[in-house]
Amino acid sequence: MALTNRPRTVSGYGTAAGTGTLAALILVGVCGSPWYVDWAEAHTDPNSAGGWFLRLLAWPAWRLEAAGGEHGVLATDLRAILLLVFAATFLYLLPTSQVARVQGSVSQFFSGWAAYVLAAATATLLAALLTSDGPLLADFQTTGTGATYGFFAGWIIGTASLGGRA
């Protein structure tokens, strides 16, 4: 048997959904951390494109302690948790048979990106509906912010999904 035809018991690649989920976990864990959020608020200009983007990456903020209003902390933490749950779910559900056929295809990239946009919007809407006492319009506007985050940060998840097997 030739060396190039060895049976492989362990693949060199992870699944597209697995690598995308890991990227989402790192993105939310690092950019949503209290330290990054504080840094982004103190050291970036919200009126510049770069500063706006760095602040947007801090959108799925989570806190270690309850240091705010009773609903504010719960809603923020719930939003980050739901984002990770929905990202993993949609990353596993969205890849179609077409994406599975071609490893590293543009379809994989867009599937990962779309999954993260949908996950961010869904997590935001559900967290807002469960924790908000305000009007429904405010919940919908908050969902728009979540979808914006998913659109501008989702390319990171889409890129991480490239090259994995479906």
C-alpha atoms as a PDB file:
ATOM      1  CA  MET A   1       0.000   0.000   0.000  1.00  0.00           C
ATOM      2  CA  ALA A   2       1.395   3.363  -0.973  1.00  0.00           C
ATOM      3  CA  LEU A   3       1.973   5.998   1.655  1.00  0.00           C
ATOM      4  CA  THR A   4      -0.447   8.373  -0.016  1.00  0.00           C
ATOM      5  CA  ASN A   5      -3.289   5.847   0.133  1.00  0.00           C
ATOM      6  CA  ARG A   6      -3.163   5.189   3.860  1.00  0.00           C
ATOM      7  CA  PRO A   7      -6.532   4.909   5.529  1.00  0.00           C
ATOM      8  CA  ARG A   8      -7.046   7.924   7.745  1.00  0.00           C
ATOM      9  CA  THR A   9      -8.655   7.311  11.089  1.00  0.00           C
ATOM     10  CA  VAL A  10      -8.363  10.914  12.200  1.00  0.00           C
ATOM     11  CA  SER A  11      -9.088  13.643   9.722  1.00  0.00           C
ATOM     12  CA  GLY A  12      -6.800  16.647   9.492  1.00  0.00           C
ATOM     13  CA  TYR A  13      -9.833  18.903   9.325  1.00  0.00           C
ATOM     14  CA  GLY A  14     -12.656  19.545  11.745  1.00  0.00           C
ATOM     15  CA  THR A  15     -16.216  20.023  10.688  1.00  0.00           C
ATOM     16  CA  ALA A  16     -17.253  23.364   9.270  1.00  0.00           C
ATOM     17  CA  ALA A  17     -19.850  23.705  12.017  1.00  0.00           C
ATOM     18  CA  GLY A  18     -17.315  22.768  14.698  1.00  0.00           C
ATOM     19  CA  THR A  19     -14.700  25.274  13.598  1.00  0.00           C
ATOM     20  CA  GLY A  20     -17.370  27.949  13.192  1.00  0.00           C
ATOM     21  CA  THR A  21     -18.705  27.256  16.689  1.00  0.00           C
ATOM     22  CA  LEU A  22     -15.201  27.414  18.139  1.00  0.00           C
ATOM     23  CA  ALA A  23     -14.627  30.751  16.388  1.00  0.00           C
ATOM     24  CA  ALA A  24     -17.935  32.070  17.780  1.00  0.00           C
ATOM     25  CA  LEU A  25     -16.943  30.939  21.276  1.00  0.00           C
ATOM     26  CA  ILE A  26     -13.585  32.709  20.995  1.00  0.00           C
ATOM     27  CA  LEU A  27     -15.158  35.842  19.479  1.00  0.00           C
ATOM     28  CA  VAL A  28     -17.796  36.122  22.209  1.00  0.00           C
ATOM     29  CA  GLY A  29     -15.359  35.083  24.953  1.00  0.00           C
ATOM     30  CA  VAL A  30     -12.679  37.592  24.019  1.00  0.00           C
ATOM     31  CA  CYS A  31     -14.567  40.525  22.503  1.00  0.00           C
ATOM     32  CA  GLY A  32     -17.506  40.219  24.894  1.00  0.00           C
ATOM     33  CA  SER A  33     -15.299  40.094  27.985  1.00  0.00           C
ATOM     34  CA  PRO A  34     -15.568  42.952  30.476  1.00  0.00           C
ATOM     35  CA  TRP A  35     -11.914  43.838  29.852  1.00  0.00           C
ATOM     36  CA  TYR A  36     -12.329  44.197  26.083  1.00  0.00           C
ATOM     37  CA  VAL A  37     -15.618  46.078  26.461  1.00  0.00           C
ATOM     38  CA  ASP A  38     -14.018  48.567  28.869  1.00  0.00           C
ATOM     39  CA  TRP A  39     -11.002  48.962  26.577  1.00  0.00           C
ATOM     40  CA  ALA A  40     -13.165  49.513  23.483  1.00  0.00           C
ATOM     41  CA  GLU A  41     -15.269  52.138  25.241  1.00  0.00           C
ATOM     42  CA  ALA A  42     -12.230  53.999  26.589  1.00  0.00           C
ATOM     43  CA  HIS A  43      -9.811  53.808  23.662  1.00  0.00           C
ATOM     44  CA  THR A  44     -11.819  53.895  20.446  1.00  0.00           C
ATOM     45  CA  ASP A  45     -13.548  56.712  18.616  1.00  0.00           C
ATOM     46  CA  PRO A  46     -17.190  55.833  17.885  1.00  0.00           C
ATOM     47  CA  ASN A  47     -17.174  58.336  15.014  1.00  0.00           C
ATOM     48  CA  SER A  48     -14.511  56.469  13.030  1.00  0.00           C
ATOM     49  CA  ALA A  49     -15.130  53.269  11.082  1.00  0.00           C
ATOM     50  CA  GLY A  50     -12.458  51.337  12.970  1.00  0.00           C
ATOM     51  CA  GLY A  51     -13.651  52.493  16.364  1.00  0.00           C
ATOM     52  CA  TRP A  52     -17.256  51.723  15.482  1.00  0.00           C
ATOM     53  CA  PHE A  53     -16.286  48.210  14.358  1.00  0.00           C
ATOM     54  CA  LEU A  54     -14.212  47.531  17.497  1.00  0.00           C
ATOM     55  CA  ARG A  55     -17.115  48.689  19.660  1.00  0.00           C
ATOM     56  CA  LEU A  56     -19.522  46.543  17.649  1.00  0.00           C
ATOM     57  CA  LEU A  57     -17.361  43.484  18.324  1.00  0.00           C
ATOM     58  CA  ALA A  58     -18.009  44.127  22.033  1.00  0.00           C
ATOM     59  CA  TRP A  59     -21.773  43.842  21.493  1.00  0.00           C
ATOM     60  CA  PRO A  60     -22.219  40.325  22.962  1.00  0.00           C
ATOM     61  CA  ALA A  61     -20.878  41.592  26.295  1.00  0.00           C
ATOM     62  CA  TRP A  62     -21.063  39.407  29.362  1.00  0.00           C
ATOM     63  CA  ARG A  63     -20.324  40.226  32.980  1.00  0.00           C
ATOM     64  CA  LEU A  64     -18.789  38.278  35.833  1.00  0.00           C
ATOM     65  CA  GLU A  65     -20.778  40.063  38.527  1.00  0.00           C
ATOM     66  CA  ALA A  66     -24.210  41.607  38.803  1.00  0.00           C
ATOM     67  CA  ALA A  67     -23.236  45.270  38.827  1.00  0.00           C
ATOM     68  CA  GLY A  68     -26.174  46.958  37.187  1.00  0.00           C
ATOM     69  CA  GLY A  69     -29.906  46.974  36.923  1.00  0.00           C
ATOM     70  CA  GLU A  70     -31.570  43.648  37.576  1.00  0.00           C
ATOM     71  CA  HIS A  71     -32.703  43.180  33.971  1.00  0.00           C
ATOM     72  CA  GLY A  72     -29.685  44.749  32.268  1.00  0.00           C
ATOM     73  CA  VAL A  73     -27.147  42.177  33.420  1.00  0.00           C
ATOM     74  CA  LEU A  74     -29.486  39.244  32.874  1.00  0.00           C
ATOM     75  CA  ALA A  75     -30.389  40.396  29.375  1.00  0.00           C
ATOM     76  CA  THR A  76     -26.760  40.921  28.412  1.00  0.00           C
ATOM     77  CA  ASP A  77     -25.574  37.570  29.744  1.00  0.00           C
ATOM     78  CA  LEU A  78     -28.583  35.790  28.268  1.00  0.00           C
ATOM     79  CA  ARG A  79     -27.900  37.407  24.898  1.00  0.00           C
ATOM     80  CA  ALA A  80     -24.296  36.144  24.869  1.00  0.00           C
ATOM     81  CA  ILE A  81     -25.330  32.627  25.928  1.00  0.00           C
ATOM     82  CA  LEU A  82     -28.149  32.446  23.398  1.00  0.00           C
ATOM     83  CA  LEU A  83     -25.837  33.742  20.682  1.00  0.00           C
ATOM     84  CA  LEU A  84     -23.484  30.811  21.237  1.00  0.00           C
ATOM     85  CA  VAL A  85     -26.331  28.285  21.412  1.00  0.00           C
ATOM     86  CA  PHE A  86     -28.019  29.570  18.260  1.00  0.00           C
ATOM     87  CA  ALA A  87     -24.700  29.925  16.421  1.00  0.00           C
ATOM     88  CA  ALA A  88     -23.870  26.276  17.069  1.00  0.00           C
ATOM     89  CA  THR A  89     -27.401  25.212  16.134  1.00  0.00           C
ATOM     90  CA  PHE A  90     -27.572  27.187  12.899  1.00  0.00           C
ATOM     91  CA  LEU A  91     -24.031  26.259  11.896  1.00  0.00           C
ATOM     92  CA  TYR A  92     -25.066  22.602  12.107  1.00  0.00           C
ATOM     93  CA  LEU A  93     -28.445  23.099  10.438  1.00  0.00           C
ATOM     94  CA  LEU A  94     -27.654  25.502   7.582  1.00  0.00           C
ATOM     95  CA  PRO A  95     -25.049  23.598   5.564  1.00  0.00           C
ATOM     96  CA  THR A  96     -26.805  21.951   2.669  1.00  0.00           C
ATOM     97  CA  SER A  97     -25.769  18.989   0.617  1.00  0.00           C
ATOM     98  CA  GLN A  98     -24.198  21.417  -1.858  1.00  0.00           C
ATOM     99  CA  VAL A  99     -21.898  22.798   0.830  1.00  0.00           C
ATOM    100  CA  ALA A 100     -20.989  19.262   1.902  1.00  0.00           C
ATOM    101  CA  ARG A 101     -19.765  18.384  -1.586  1.00  0.00           C
ATOM    102  CA  VAL A 102     -17.046  20.979  -1.965  1.00  0.00           C
ATOM    103  CA  GLN A 103     -14.683  21.530   0.930  1.00  0.00           C
ATOM    104  CA  GLY A 104     -13.501  25.131   1.237  1.00  0.00           C
ATOM    105  CA  SER A 105     -16.110  26.476  -1.140  1.00  0.00           C
ATOM    106  CA  VAL A 106     -17.625  29.932  -1.172  1.00  0.00           C
ATOM    107  CA  SER A 107     -20.890  28.248  -0.167  1.00  0.00           C
ATOM    108  CA  GLN A 108     -19.298  27.200   3.126  1.00  0.00           C
ATOM    109  CA  PHE A 109     -18.206  30.775   3.778  1.00  0.00           C
ATOM    110  CA  PHE A 110     -21.662  32.227   3.113  1.00  0.00           C
ATOM    111  CA  SER A 111     -23.372  29.455   5.071  1.00  0.00           C
ATOM    112  CA  GLY A 112     -21.239  30.217   8.151  1.00  0.00           C
ATOM    113  CA  TRP A 113     -21.753  33.944   7.734  1.00  0.00           C
ATOM    114  CA  ALA A 114     -25.526  33.597   7.344  1.00  0.00           C
ATOM    115  CA  ALA A 115     -25.738  31.261  10.325  1.00  0.00           C
ATOM    116  CA  TYR A 116     -24.051  33.877  12.531  1.00  0.00           C
ATOM    117  CA  VAL A 117     -26.277  36.712  11.295  1.00  0.00           C
ATOM    118  CA  LEU A 118     -29.368  34.616  11.976  1.00  0.00           C
ATOM    119  CA  ALA A 119     -28.024  33.482  15.357  1.00  0.00           C
ATOM    120  CA  ALA A 120     -27.266  37.049  16.485  1.00  0.00           C
ATOM    121  CA  ALA A 121     -30.682  38.364  15.444  1.00  0.00           C
ATOM    122  CA  THR A 122     -32.555  35.420  16.971  1.00  0.00           C
ATOM    123  CA  ALA A 123     -30.610  35.536  20.234  1.00  0.00           C
ATOM    124  CA  THR A 124     -31.177  39.271  20.555  1.00  0.00           C
ATOM    125  CA  LEU A 125     -34.898  39.035  19.885  1.00  0.00           C
ATOM    126  CA  LEU A 126     -35.409  36.168  22.307  1.00  0.00           C
ATOM    127  CA  ALA A 127     -33.305  37.813  25.040  1.00  0.00           C
ATOM    128  CA  ALA A 128     -35.144  41.116  24.558  1.00  0.00           C
ATOM    129  CA  LEU A 129     -38.573  39.482  24.683  1.00  0.00           C
ATOM    130  CA  LEU A 130     -37.702  37.470  27.800  1.00  0.00           C
ATOM    131  CA  THR A 131     -36.091  40.266  29.799  1.00  0.00           C
ATOM    132  CA  SER A 132     -37.526  43.560  28.561  1.00  0.00           C
ATOM    133  CA  ASP A 133     -40.363  45.449  30.214  1.00  0.00           C
ATOM    134  CA  GLY A 134     -40.388  48.062  27.456  1.00  0.00           C
ATOM    135  CA  PRO A 135     -42.385  48.346  24.267  1.00  0.00           C
ATOM    136  CA  LEU A 136     -42.191  45.767  21.503  1.00  0.00           C
ATOM    137  CA  LEU A 137     -40.727  48.384  19.152  1.00  0.00           C
ATOM    138  CA  ALA A 138     -37.663  48.720  21.404  1.00  0.00           C
ATOM    139  CA  ASP A 139     -37.205  44.937  21.291  1.00  0.00           C
ATOM    140  CA  PHE A 140     -37.331  45.011  17.488  1.00  0.00           C
ATOM    141  CA  GLN A 141     -34.814  47.864  17.352  1.00  0.00           C
ATOM    142  CA  THR A 142     -32.496  45.911  19.643  1.00  0.00           C
ATOM    143  CA  THR A 143     -32.846  42.942  17.293  1.00  0.00           C
ATOM    144  CA  GLY A 144     -31.694  45.191  14.456  1.00  0.00           C
ATOM    145  CA  THR A 145     -28.515  45.890  16.405  1.00  0.00           C
ATOM    146  CA  GLY A 146     -27.980  42.144  16.830  1.00  0.00           C
ATOM    147  CA  ALA A 147     -28.420  41.557  13.113  1.00  0.00           C
ATOM    148  CA  THR A 148     -25.943  44.361  12.406  1.00  0.00           C
ATOM    149  CA  TYR A 149     -23.432  42.703  14.717  1.00  0.00           C
ATOM    150  CA  GLY A 150     -23.985  39.353  13.002  1.00  0.00           C
ATOM    151  CA  PHE A 151     -23.522  40.895   9.561  1.00  0.00           C
ATOM    152  CA  PHE A 152     -20.289  42.699  10.396  1.00  0.00           C
ATOM    153  CA  ALA A 153     -18.761  39.967  12.592  1.00  0.00           C
ATOM    154  CA  GLY A 154     -20.200  36.982  10.726  1.00  0.00           C
ATOM    155  CA  TRP A 155     -17.469  36.995   8.082  1.00  0.00           C
ATOM    156  CA  ILE A 156     -15.089  35.847  10.844  1.00  0.00           C
ATOM    157  CA  ILE A 157     -17.292  32.813  11.476  1.00  0.00           C
ATOM    158  CA  GLY A 158     -17.690  32.237   7.739  1.00  0.00           C
ATOM    159  CA  THR A 159     -13.930  32.266   7.275  1.00  0.00           C
ATOM    160  CA  ALA A 160     -13.490  29.825  10.161  1.00  0.00           C
ATOM    161  CA  SER A 161     -16.009  27.497   8.506  1.00  0.00           C
ATOM    162  CA  LEU A 162     -13.928  27.263   5.329  1.00  0.00           C
ATOM    163  CA  GLY A 163     -12.011  24.074   4.804  1.00  0.00           C
ATOM    164  CA  GLY A 164     -13.917  21.971   7.280  1.00  0.00           C
ATOM    165  CA  ARG A 165     -15.927  18.977   6.266  1.00  0.00           C
ATOM    166  CA  ALA A 166     -19.691  19.298   6.470  1.00  0.00           C
END
